[in-house]
């Protein structure tokens, strides 16, 4: 009887070790894609903050008289269009990151 229990324990440990890679939260390729998506999100967030700073700086330049109203409006319009594009790319990157996280959990 003791030998039977011992065999079952050894068999259970062997099964647990063999199935270890299957229990991981994703393939190495999926984890790599996830890492790239997370890095891209961080880069786009930094780019967004930089663009916001540019918008604030342009507004300050206008208020202190460094820019005429016409020049400020042109620059402001261009900077805000760039900011909108960054936000679109950031939303897309976050969606990809969310999809990647969902793949390993299902």
PDB file of N, CA and C in Angstrom:
ATOM      1  N   UNK A   1       0.818  -1.189   0.000  1.00  0.00           N
ATOM      2  CA  UNK A   1       0.000   0.000   0.000  1.00  0.00           C
ATOM      3  C   UNK A   1       0.864   1.255   0.000  1.00  0.00           C
ATOM      4  N   UNK A   2       1.928   1.267   0.787  1.00  0.00           N
ATOM      5  CA  UNK A   2       2.821   2.411   0.856  1.00  0.00           C
ATOM      6  C   UNK A   2       3.484   2.663  -0.496  1.00  0.00           C
ATOM      7  N   UNK A   3       3.869   1.562  -1.181  1.00  0.00           N
ATOM      8  CA  UNK A   3       4.488   1.727  -2.496  1.00  0.00           C
ATOM      9  C   UNK A   3       3.502   2.354  -3.485  1.00  0.00           C
ATOM     10  N   UNK A   4       2.247   1.981  -3.400  1.00  0.00           N
ATOM     11  CA  UNK A   4       1.220   2.524  -4.289  1.00  0.00           C
ATOM     12  C   UNK A   4       1.072   4.039  -4.079  1.00  0.00           C
ATOM     13  N   UNK A   5       1.039   4.488  -2.848  1.00  0.00           N
ATOM     14  CA  UNK A   5       0.930   5.913  -2.522  1.00  0.00           C
ATOM     15  C   UNK A   5       2.172   6.648  -3.005  1.00  0.00           C
ATOM     16  N   UNK A   6       3.331   6.035  -2.806  1.00  0.00           N
ATOM     17  CA  UNK A   6       4.583   6.637  -3.242  1.00  0.00           C
ATOM     18  C   UNK A   6       4.605   6.799  -4.759  1.00  0.00           C
ATOM     19  N   UNK A   7       4.152   5.783  -5.484  1.00  0.00           N
ATOM     20  CA  UNK A   7       4.079   5.859  -6.946  1.00  0.00           C
ATOM     21  C   UNK A   7       3.122   6.967  -7.370  1.00  0.00           C
ATOM     22  N   UNK A   8       1.989   7.090  -6.699  1.00  0.00           N
ATOM     23  CA  UNK A   8       1.038   8.155  -7.036  1.00  0.00           C
ATOM     24  C   UNK A   8       1.641   9.541  -6.805  1.00  0.00           C
ATOM     25  N   UNK A   9       2.364   9.701  -5.717  1.00  0.00           N
ATOM     26  CA  UNK A   9       2.995  10.985  -5.420  1.00  0.00           C
ATOM     27  C   UNK A   9       4.047  11.314  -6.473  1.00  0.00           C
ATOM     28  N   UNK A  10       4.883  10.355  -6.829  1.00  0.00           N
ATOM     29  CA  UNK A  10       5.914  10.574  -7.853  1.00  0.00           C
ATOM     30  C   UNK A  10       5.254  10.894  -9.190  1.00  0.00           C
ATOM     31  N   UNK A  11       4.200  10.186  -9.520  1.00  0.00           N
ATOM     32  CA  UNK A  11       3.479  10.433 -10.767  1.00  0.00           C
ATOM     33  C   UNK A  11       2.862  11.836 -10.773  1.00  0.00           C
ATOM     34  N   UNK A  12       2.288  12.254  -9.658  1.00  0.00           N
ATOM     35  CA  UNK A  12       1.686  13.589  -9.561  1.00  0.00           C
ATOM     36  C   UNK A  12       2.742  14.670  -9.724  1.00  0.00           C
ATOM     37  N   UNK A  13       3.903  14.483  -9.109  1.00  0.00           N
ATOM     38  CA  UNK A  13       4.990  15.464  -9.248  1.00  0.00           C
ATOM     39  C   UNK A  13       5.466  15.517 -10.689  1.00  0.00           C
ATOM     40  N   UNK A  14       5.599  14.373 -11.335  1.00  0.00           N
ATOM     41  CA  UNK A  14       6.042  14.336 -12.732  1.00  0.00           C
ATOM     42  C   UNK A  14       5.036  15.059 -13.633  1.00  0.00           C
ATOM     43  N   UNK A  15       3.764  14.817 -13.434  1.00  0.00           N
ATOM     44  CA  UNK A  15       2.730  15.485 -14.232  1.00  0.00           C
ATOM     45  C   UNK A  15       2.782  16.991 -13.995  1.00  0.00           C
ATOM     46  N   UNK A  16       2.953  17.383 -12.743  1.00  0.00           N
ATOM     47  CA  UNK A  16       3.006  18.807 -12.413  1.00  0.00           C
ATOM     48  C   UNK A  16       4.202  19.471 -13.099  1.00  0.00           C
ATOM     49  N   UNK A  17       5.359  18.815 -13.115  1.00  0.00           N
ATOM     50  CA  UNK A  17       6.547  19.377 -13.755  1.00  0.00           C
ATOM     51  C   UNK A  17       6.399  19.448 -15.269  1.00  0.00           C
ATOM     52  N   UNK A  18       5.841  18.400 -15.849  1.00  0.00           N
ATOM     53  CA  UNK A  18       5.697  18.351 -17.302  1.00  0.00           C
ATOM     54  C   UNK A  18       4.699  19.396 -17.793  1.00  0.00           C
ATOM     55  N   UNK A  19       3.656  19.631 -17.044  1.00  0.00           N
ATOM     56  CA  UNK A  19       2.629  20.586 -17.482  1.00  0.00           C
ATOM     57  C   UNK A  19       2.934  22.024 -17.056  1.00  0.00           C
ATOM     58  N   UNK A  20       4.063  22.256 -16.404  1.00  0.00           N
ATOM     59  CA  UNK A  20       4.437  23.598 -15.966  1.00  0.00           C
ATOM     60  C   UNK A  20       4.395  24.649 -17.066  1.00  0.00           C
ATOM     61  N   UNK A  21       5.021  24.389 -18.221  1.00  0.00           N
ATOM     62  CA  UNK A  21       4.982  25.400 -19.289  1.00  0.00           C
ATOM     63  C   UNK A  21       3.562  25.698 -19.781  1.00  0.00           C
ATOM     64  N   UNK A  22       2.683  24.754 -19.683  1.00  0.00           N
ATOM     65  CA  UNK A  22       1.302  24.985 -20.127  1.00  0.00           C
ATOM     66  C   UNK A  22       0.542  25.880 -19.157  1.00  0.00           C
ATOM     67  N   UNK A  23       0.986  25.936 -17.926  1.00  0.00           N
ATOM     68  CA  UNK A  23       0.308  26.762 -16.924  1.00  0.00           C
ATOM     69  C   UNK A  23       0.768  28.207 -16.954  1.00  0.00           C
ATOM     70  N   UNK A  24       1.792  28.522 -17.713  1.00  0.00           N
ATOM     71  CA  UNK A  24       2.269  29.903 -17.782  1.00  0.00           C
ATOM     72  C   UNK A  24       1.214  30.779 -18.432  1.00  0.00           C
ATOM     73  N   UNK A  25       1.314  32.103 -18.191  1.00  0.00           N
ATOM     74  CA  UNK A  25       0.278  33.040 -18.638  1.00  0.00           C
ATOM     75  C   UNK A  25       0.402  33.450 -20.095  1.00  0.00           C
ATOM     76  N   UNK A  26       1.160  32.790 -20.867  1.00  0.00           N
ATOM     77  CA  UNK A  26       1.262  33.122 -22.287  1.00  0.00           C
ATOM     78  C   UNK A  26       2.565  32.589 -22.846  1.00  0.00           C
ATOM     79  N   UNK A  27       2.635  32.589 -24.153  1.00  0.00           N
ATOM     80  CA  UNK A  27       3.848  32.134 -24.814  1.00  0.00           C
ATOM     81  C   UNK A  27       4.909  33.219 -24.701  1.00  0.00           C
ATOM     82  N   UNK A  28       6.155  32.857 -24.862  1.00  0.00           N
ATOM     83  CA  UNK A  28       7.202  33.890 -24.828  1.00  0.00           C
ATOM     84  C   UNK A  28       6.967  34.977 -25.879  1.00  0.00           C
ATOM     85  N   UNK A  29       6.454  34.598 -27.021  1.00  0.00           N
ATOM     86  CA  UNK A  29       6.189  35.585 -28.076  1.00  0.00           C
ATOM     87  C   UNK A  29       5.087  36.548 -27.635  1.00  0.00           C
ATOM     88  N   UNK A  30       4.049  36.029 -26.992  1.00  0.00           N
ATOM     89  CA  UNK A  30       2.965  36.890 -26.505  1.00  0.00           C
ATOM     90  C   UNK A  30       3.482  37.801 -25.401  1.00  0.00           C
ATOM     91  N   UNK A  31       4.331  37.283 -24.538  1.00  0.00           N
ATOM     92  CA  UNK A  31       4.899  38.104 -23.473  1.00  0.00           C
ATOM     93  C   UNK A  31       5.785  39.197 -24.057  1.00  0.00           C
ATOM     94  N   UNK A  32       6.501  38.881 -25.119  1.00  0.00           N
ATOM     95  CA  UNK A  32       7.347  39.879 -25.781  1.00  0.00           C
ATOM     96  C   UNK A  32       6.493  40.980 -26.410  1.00  0.00           C
ATOM     97  N   UNK A  33       5.396  40.582 -27.055  1.00  0.00           N
ATOM     98  CA  UNK A  33       4.479  41.573 -27.651  1.00  0.00           C
ATOM     99  C   UNK A  33       3.887  42.460 -26.565  1.00  0.00           C
ATOM    100  N   UNK A  34       3.539  41.850 -25.452  1.00  0.00           N
ATOM    101  CA  UNK A  34       2.999  42.588 -24.311  1.00  0.00           C
ATOM    102  C   UNK A  34       4.004  43.611 -23.807  1.00  0.00           C
ATOM    103  N   UNK A  35       5.248  43.206 -23.713  1.00  0.00           N
ATOM    104  CA  UNK A  35       6.307  44.107 -23.259  1.00  0.00           C
ATOM    105  C   UNK A  35       6.502  45.265 -24.212  1.00  0.00           C
ATOM    106  N   UNK A  36       6.474  44.966 -25.519  1.00  0.00           N
ATOM    107  CA  UNK A  36       6.609  46.043 -26.512  1.00  0.00           C
ATOM    108  C   UNK A  36       5.435  46.996 -26.436  1.00  0.00           C
ATOM    109  N   UNK A  37       4.233  46.469 -26.261  1.00  0.00           N
ATOM    110  CA  UNK A  37       3.045  47.325 -26.169  1.00  0.00           C
ATOM    111  C   UNK A  37       3.123  48.205 -24.928  1.00  0.00           C
ATOM    112  N   UNK A  38       3.583  47.648 -23.814  1.00  0.00           N
ATOM    113  CA  UNK A  38       3.707  48.436 -22.583  1.00  0.00           C
ATOM    114  C   UNK A  38       4.747  49.539 -22.758  1.00  0.00           C
ATOM    115  N   UNK A  39       5.850  49.225 -23.420  1.00  0.00           N
ATOM    116  CA  UNK A  39       6.880  50.225 -23.684  1.00  0.00           C
ATOM    117  C   UNK A  39       6.348  51.320 -24.589  1.00  0.00           C
ATOM    118  N   UNK A  40       5.579  50.917 -25.609  1.00  0.00           N
ATOM    119  CA  UNK A  40       5.004  51.909 -26.519  1.00  0.00           C
ATOM    120  C   UNK A  40       4.027  52.821 -25.783  1.00  0.00           C
ATOM    121  N   UNK A  41       3.238  52.266 -24.887  1.00  0.00           N
ATOM    122  CA  UNK A  41       2.302  53.079 -24.099  1.00  0.00           C
ATOM    123  C   UNK A  41       3.079  54.100 -23.272  1.00  0.00           C
ATOM    124  N   UNK A  42       4.150  53.663 -22.629  1.00  0.00           N
ATOM    125  CA  UNK A  42       4.960  54.581 -21.816  1.00  0.00           C
ATOM    126  C   UNK A  42       5.570  55.689 -22.672  1.00  0.00           C
ATOM    127  N   UNK A  43       6.068  55.330 -23.846  1.00  0.00           N
ATOM    128  CA  UNK A  43       6.665  56.328 -24.734  1.00  0.00           C
ATOM    129  C   UNK A  43       5.620  57.333 -25.208  1.00  0.00           C
ATOM    130  N   UNK A  44       4.436  56.845 -25.552  1.00  0.00           N
ATOM    131  CA  UNK A  44       3.381  57.744 -26.015  1.00  0.00           C
ATOM    132  C   UNK A  44       2.871  58.635 -24.888  1.00  0.00           C
ATOM    133  N   UNK A  45       2.828  58.121 -23.673  1.00  0.00           N
ATOM    134  CA  UNK A  45       2.430  58.959 -22.545  1.00  0.00           C
ATOM    135  C   UNK A  45       3.438  60.086 -22.332  1.00  0.00           C
ATOM    136  N   UNK A  46       4.721  59.776 -22.477  1.00  0.00           N
ATOM    137  CA  UNK A  46       5.758  60.806 -22.351  1.00  0.00           C
ATOM    138  C   UNK A  46       5.643  61.819 -23.490  1.00  0.00           C
ATOM    139  N   UNK A  47       5.371  61.327 -24.692  1.00  0.00           N
ATOM    140  CA  UNK A  47       5.185  62.211 -25.848  1.00  0.00           C
ATOM    141  C   UNK A  47       3.979  63.121 -25.645  1.00  0.00           C
ATOM    142  N   UNK A  48       2.908  62.560 -25.085  1.00  0.00           N
ATOM    143  CA  UNK A  48       1.699  63.351 -24.805  1.00  0.00           C
ATOM    144  C   UNK A  48       2.009  64.473 -23.825  1.00  0.00           C
ATOM    145  N   UNK A  49       2.707  64.145 -22.747  1.00  0.00           N
ATOM    146  CA  UNK A  49       3.046  65.162 -21.751  1.00  0.00           C
ATOM    147  C   UNK A  49       3.942  66.243 -22.348  1.00  0.00           C
ATOM    148  N   UNK A  50       4.863  65.838 -23.198  1.00  0.00           N
ATOM    149  CA  UNK A  50       5.733  66.806 -23.861  1.00  0.00           C
ATOM    150  C   UNK A  50       4.925  67.743 -24.763  1.00  0.00           C
ATOM    151  N   UNK A  51       3.968  67.187 -25.480  1.00  0.00           N
ATOM    152  CA  UNK A  51       3.134  68.011 -26.366  1.00  0.00           C
ATOM    153  C   UNK A  51       2.273  68.962 -25.553  1.00  0.00           C
ATOM    154  N   UNK A  52       1.729  68.497 -24.440  1.00  0.00           N
ATOM    155  CA  UNK A  52       0.952  69.383 -23.562  1.00  0.00           C
ATOM    156  C   UNK A  52       1.820  70.544 -23.077  1.00  0.00           C
ATOM    157  N   UNK A  53       3.066  70.227 -22.758  1.00  0.00           N
ATOM    158  CA  UNK A  53       3.990  71.270 -22.305  1.00  0.00           C
ATOM    159  C   UNK A  53       4.231  72.287 -23.422  1.00  0.00           C
ATOM    160  N   UNK A  54       4.381  71.811 -24.649  1.00  0.00           N
ATOM    161  CA  UNK A  54       4.560  72.717 -25.788  1.00  0.00           C
ATOM    162  C   UNK A  54       3.351  73.637 -25.947  1.00  0.00           C
ATOM    163  N   UNK A  55       2.163  73.082 -25.778  1.00  0.00           N
ATOM    164  CA  UNK A  55       0.941  73.889 -25.894  1.00  0.00           C
ATOM    165  C   UNK A  55       0.923  74.967 -24.814  1.00  0.00           C
ATOM    166  N   UNK A  56       1.247  74.575 -23.587  1.00  0.00           N
ATOM    167  CA  UNK A  56       1.279  75.556 -22.486  1.00  0.00           C
ATOM    168  C   UNK A  56       2.347  76.628 -22.727  1.00  0.00           C
ATOM    169  N   UNK A  57       3.510  76.204 -23.234  1.00  0.00           N
ATOM    170  CA  UNK A  57       4.582  77.160 -23.500  1.00  0.00           C
ATOM    171  C   UNK A  57       4.176  78.155 -24.590  1.00  0.00           C
ATOM    172  N   UNK A  58       3.511  77.673 -25.624  1.00  0.00           N
ATOM    173  CA  UNK A  58       3.061  78.562 -26.695  1.00  0.00           C
ATOM    174  C   UNK A  58       2.037  79.558 -26.161  1.00  0.00           C
ATOM    175  N   UNK A  59       1.141  79.077 -25.307  1.00  0.00           N
ATOM    176  CA  UNK A  59       0.148  79.970 -24.721  1.00  0.00           C
ATOM    177  C   UNK A  59       0.817  81.029 -23.838  1.00  0.00           C
ATOM    178  N   UNK A  60       1.822  80.619 -23.076  1.00  0.00           N
ATOM    179  CA  UNK A  60       2.557  81.565 -22.244  1.00  0.00           C
ATOM    180  C   UNK A  60       3.285  82.599 -23.116  1.00  0.00           C
ATOM    181  N   UNK A  61       3.908  82.116 -24.197  1.00  0.00           N
ATOM    182  CA  UNK A  61       4.591  83.040 -25.119  1.00  0.00           C
ATOM    183  C   UNK A  61       3.620  84.073 -25.680  1.00  0.00           C
ATOM    184  N   UNK A  62       2.409  83.646 -25.992  1.00  0.00           N
ATOM    185  CA  UNK A  62       1.399  84.581 -26.494  1.00  0.00           C
ATOM    186  C   UNK A  62       1.016  85.585 -25.409  1.00  0.00           C
ATOM    187  N   UNK A  63       0.810  85.104 -24.193  1.00  0.00           N
ATOM    188  CA  UNK A  63       0.363  85.985 -23.105  1.00  0.00           C
ATOM    189  C   UNK A  63       1.416  87.025 -22.710  1.00  0.00           C
ATOM    190  N   UNK A  64       2.704  86.649 -22.832  1.00  0.00           N
ATOM    191  CA  UNK A  64       3.739  87.624 -22.474  1.00  0.00           C
ATOM    192  C   UNK A  64       4.167  88.474 -23.670  1.00  0.00           C
ATOM    193  N   UNK A  65       3.553  88.229 -24.821  1.00  0.00           N
ATOM    194  CA  UNK A  65       3.811  89.078 -25.975  1.00  0.00           C
ATOM    195  C   UNK A  65       4.897  88.600 -26.917  1.00  0.00           C
ATOM    196  N   UNK A  66       5.403  87.391 -26.739  1.00  0.00           N
ATOM    197  CA  UNK A  66       6.420  86.864 -27.652  1.00  0.00           C
ATOM    198  C   UNK A  66       5.817  86.442 -28.980  1.00  0.00           C
ATOM    199  N   UNK A  67       4.534  86.093 -28.979  1.00  0.00           N
ATOM    200  CA  UNK A  67       3.841  85.663 -30.205  1.00  0.00           C
ATOM    201  C   UNK A  67       2.650  86.573 -30.446  1.00  0.00           C
ATOM    202  N   UNK A  68       2.427  86.895 -31.724  1.00  0.00           N
ATOM    203  CA  UNK A  68       1.209  87.627 -32.061  1.00  0.00           C
ATOM    204  C   UNK A  68       0.034  86.661 -31.961  1.00  0.00           C
ATOM    205  N   UNK A  69      -1.173  87.191 -31.922  1.00  0.00           N
ATOM    206  CA  UNK A  69      -2.345  86.323 -31.814  1.00  0.00           C
ATOM    207  C   UNK A  69      -2.471  85.403 -33.020  1.00  0.00           C
ATOM    208  N   UNK A  70      -2.202  85.943 -34.210  1.00  0.00           N
ATOM    209  CA  UNK A  70      -2.284  85.115 -35.427  1.00  0.00           C
ATOM    210  C   UNK A  70      -1.262  83.981 -35.393  1.00  0.00           C
ATOM    211  N   UNK A  71      -0.026  84.315 -35.021  1.00  0.00           N
ATOM    212  CA  UNK A  71       1.013  83.285 -34.948  1.00  0.00           C
ATOM    213  C   UNK A  71       0.667  82.235 -33.890  1.00  0.00           C
ATOM    214  N   UNK A  72       0.159  82.723 -32.746  1.00  0.00           N
ATOM    215  CA  UNK A  72      -0.204  81.794 -31.684  1.00  0.00           C
ATOM    216  C   UNK A  72      -1.322  80.856 -32.121  1.00  0.00           C
ATOM    217  N   UNK A  73      -2.322  81.391 -32.809  1.00  0.00           N
ATOM    218  CA  UNK A  73      -3.440  80.543 -33.257  1.00  0.00           C
ATOM    219  C   UNK A  73      -2.965  79.459 -34.226  1.00  0.00           C
ATOM    220  N   UNK A  74      -2.093  79.836 -35.142  1.00  0.00           N
ATOM    221  CA  UNK A  74      -1.562  78.855 -36.102  1.00  0.00           C
ATOM    222  C   UNK A  74      -0.774  77.780 -35.359  1.00  0.00           C
ATOM    223  N   UNK A  75       0.119  78.210 -34.475  1.00  0.00           N
ATOM    224  CA  UNK A  75       0.936  77.262 -33.723  1.00  0.00           C
ATOM    225  C   UNK A  75       0.072  76.399 -32.800  1.00  0.00           C
ATOM    226  N   UNK A  76      -0.896  77.003 -32.124  1.00  0.00           N
ATOM    227  CA  UNK A  76      -1.772  76.276 -31.217  1.00  0.00           C
ATOM    228  C   UNK A  76      -2.568  75.212 -31.967  1.00  0.00           C
ATOM    229  N   UNK A  77      -3.093  75.586 -33.120  1.00  0.00           N
ATOM    230  CA  UNK A  77      -3.865  74.635 -33.926  1.00  0.00           C
ATOM    231  C   UNK A  77      -3.003  73.432 -34.332  1.00  0.00           C
ATOM    232  N   UNK A  78      -1.772  73.716 -34.758  1.00  0.00           N
ATOM    233  CA  UNK A  78      -0.871  72.635 -35.174  1.00  0.00           C
ATOM    234  C   UNK A  78      -0.501  71.742 -33.989  1.00  0.00           C
ATOM    235  N   UNK A  79      -0.180  72.348 -32.860  1.00  0.00           N
ATOM    236  CA  UNK A  79       0.198  71.562 -31.684  1.00  0.00           C
ATOM    237  C   UNK A  79      -0.965  70.708 -31.185  1.00  0.00           C
ATOM    238  N   UNK A  80      -2.150  71.265 -31.197  1.00  0.00           N
ATOM    239  CA  UNK A  80      -3.312  70.486 -30.741  1.00  0.00           C
ATOM    240  C   UNK A  80      -3.638  69.345 -31.704  1.00  0.00           C
ATOM    241  N   UNK A  81      -3.442  69.554 -32.993  1.00  0.00           N
ATOM    242  CA  UNK A  81      -3.654  68.466 -33.960  1.00  0.00           C
ATOM    243  C   UNK A  81      -2.649  67.340 -33.706  1.00  0.00           C
ATOM    244  N   UNK A  82      -1.399  67.716 -33.412  1.00  0.00           N
ATOM    245  CA  UNK A  82      -0.387  66.703 -33.094  1.00  0.00           C
ATOM    246  C   UNK A  82      -0.754  65.973 -31.800  1.00  0.00           C
ATOM    247  N   UNK A  83      -1.271  66.710 -30.825  1.00  0.00           N
ATOM    248  CA  UNK A  83      -1.663  66.092 -29.554  1.00  0.00           C
ATOM    249  C   UNK A  83      -2.799  65.096 -29.768  1.00  0.00           C
ATOM    250  N   UNK A  84      -3.755  65.442 -30.612  1.00  0.00           N
ATOM    251  CA  UNK A  84      -4.873  64.536 -30.897  1.00  0.00           C
ATOM    252  C   UNK A  84      -4.356  63.254 -31.545  1.00  0.00           C
ATOM    253  N   UNK A  85      -3.408  63.380 -32.460  1.00  0.00           N
ATOM    254  CA  UNK A  85      -2.840  62.196 -33.108  1.00  0.00           C
ATOM    255  C   UNK A  85      -2.117  61.312 -32.084  1.00  0.00           C
ATOM    256  N   UNK A  86      -1.390  61.934 -31.175  1.00  0.00           N
ATOM    257  CA  UNK A  86      -0.706  61.165 -30.124  1.00  0.00           C
ATOM    258  C   UNK A  86      -1.735  60.432 -29.265  1.00  0.00           C
ATOM    259  N   UNK A  87      -2.833  61.104 -28.923  1.00  0.00           N
ATOM    260  CA  UNK A  87      -3.873  60.470 -28.115  1.00  0.00           C
ATOM    261  C   UNK A  87      -4.505  59.288 -28.847  1.00  0.00           C
ATOM    262  N   UNK A  88      -4.704  59.427 -30.139  1.00  0.00           N
ATOM    263  CA  UNK A  88      -5.249  58.295 -30.922  1.00  0.00           C
ATOM    264  C   UNK A  88      -4.292  57.112 -30.884  1.00  0.00           C
ATOM    265  N   UNK A  89      -3.009  57.386 -31.095  1.00  0.00           N
ATOM    266  CA  UNK A  89      -2.018  56.310 -31.061  1.00  0.00           C
ATOM    267  C   UNK A  89      -1.928  55.689 -29.668  1.00  0.00           C
ATOM    268  N   UNK A  90      -2.045  56.513 -28.637  1.00  0.00           N
ATOM    269  CA  UNK A  90      -2.003  56.022 -27.260  1.00  0.00           C
ATOM    270  C   UNK A  90      -3.203  55.120 -26.971  1.00  0.00           C
ATOM    271  N   UNK A  91      -4.388  55.520 -27.418  1.00  0.00           N
ATOM    272  CA  UNK A  91      -5.578  54.674 -27.230  1.00  0.00           C
ATOM    273  C   UNK A  91      -5.403  53.328 -27.927  1.00  0.00           C
ATOM    274  N   UNK A  92      -4.865  53.358 -29.152  1.00  0.00           N
ATOM    275  CA  UNK A  92      -4.657  52.111 -29.895  1.00  0.00           C
ATOM    276  C   UNK A  92      -3.638  51.219 -29.183  1.00  0.00           C
ATOM    277  N   UNK A  93      -2.564  51.820 -28.685  1.00  0.00           N
ATOM    278  CA  UNK A  93      -1.535  51.034 -27.974  1.00  0.00           C
ATOM    279  C   UNK A  93      -2.093  50.446 -26.687  1.00  0.00           C
ATOM    280  N   UNK A  94      -2.908  51.215 -25.976  1.00  0.00           N
ATOM    281  CA  UNK A  94      -3.521  50.690 -24.751  1.00  0.00           C
ATOM    282  C   UNK A  94      -4.485  49.555 -25.069  1.00  0.00           C
ATOM    283  N   UNK A  95      -5.204  49.665 -26.178  1.00  0.00           N
ATOM    284  CA  UNK A  95      -6.120  48.590 -26.573  1.00  0.00           C
ATOM    285  C   UNK A  95      -5.336  47.324 -26.890  1.00  0.00           C
ATOM    286  N   UNK A  96      -4.205  47.474 -27.607  1.00  0.00           N
ATOM    287  CA  UNK A  96      -3.373  46.300 -27.907  1.00  0.00           C
ATOM    288  C   UNK A  96      -2.834  45.688 -26.629  1.00  0.00           C
ATOM    289  N   UNK A  97      -2.429  46.528 -25.691  1.00  0.00           N
ATOM    290  CA  UNK A  97      -1.910  46.030 -24.422  1.00  0.00           C
ATOM    291  C   UNK A  97      -3.005  45.286 -23.665  1.00  0.00           C
ATOM    292  N   UNK A  98      -4.220  45.824 -23.662  1.00  0.00           N
ATOM    293  CA  UNK A  98      -5.341  45.177 -22.996  1.00  0.00           C
ATOM    294  C   UNK A  98      -5.685  43.843 -23.632  1.00  0.00           C
ATOM    295  N   UNK A  99      -5.614  43.781 -24.963  1.00  0.00           N
ATOM    296  CA  UNK A  99      -5.871  42.510 -25.659  1.00  0.00           C
ATOM    297  C   UNK A  99      -4.818  41.486 -25.311  1.00  0.00           C
ATOM    298  N   UNK A 100      -3.571  41.930 -25.239  1.00  0.00           N
ATOM    299  CA  UNK A 100      -2.481  41.009 -24.899  1.00  0.00           C
ATOM    300  C   UNK A 100      -2.617  40.468 -23.503  1.00  0.00           C
ATOM    301  N   UNK A 101      -3.064  41.296 -22.589  1.00  0.00           N
ATOM    302  CA  UNK A 101      -3.258  40.836 -21.212  1.00  0.00           C
ATOM    303  C   UNK A 101      -4.424  39.866 -21.131  1.00  0.00           C
ATOM    304  N   UNK A 102      -5.447  40.089 -21.924  1.00  0.00           N
ATOM    305  CA  UNK A 102      -6.624  39.223 -21.899  1.00  0.00           C
ATOM    306  C   UNK A 102      -6.356  37.851 -22.478  1.00  0.00           C
ATOM    307  N   UNK A 103      -5.411  37.746 -23.422  1.00  0.00           N
ATOM    308  CA  UNK A 103      -5.121  36.462 -24.066  1.00  0.00           C
ATOM    309  C   UNK A 103      -4.595  35.438 -23.067  1.00  0.00           C
ATOM    310  N   UNK A 104      -3.709  35.850 -22.177  1.00  0.00           N
ATOM    311  CA  UNK A 104      -3.088  34.909 -21.263  1.00  0.00           C
ATOM    312  C   UNK A 104      -3.993  34.513 -20.106  1.00  0.00           C
ATOM    313  N   UNK A 105      -5.080  35.253 -19.884  1.00  0.00           N
ATOM    314  CA  UNK A 105      -5.926  34.965 -18.739  1.00  0.00           C
ATOM    315  C   UNK A 105      -7.094  34.048 -19.067  1.00  0.00           C
ATOM    316  N   UNK A 106      -7.417  33.881 -20.323  1.00  0.00           N
ATOM    317  CA  UNK A 106      -8.606  33.108 -20.701  1.00  0.00           C
ATOM    318  C   UNK A 106      -8.305  31.706 -20.840  1.00  0.00           C
TER     319      UNK A 106
END
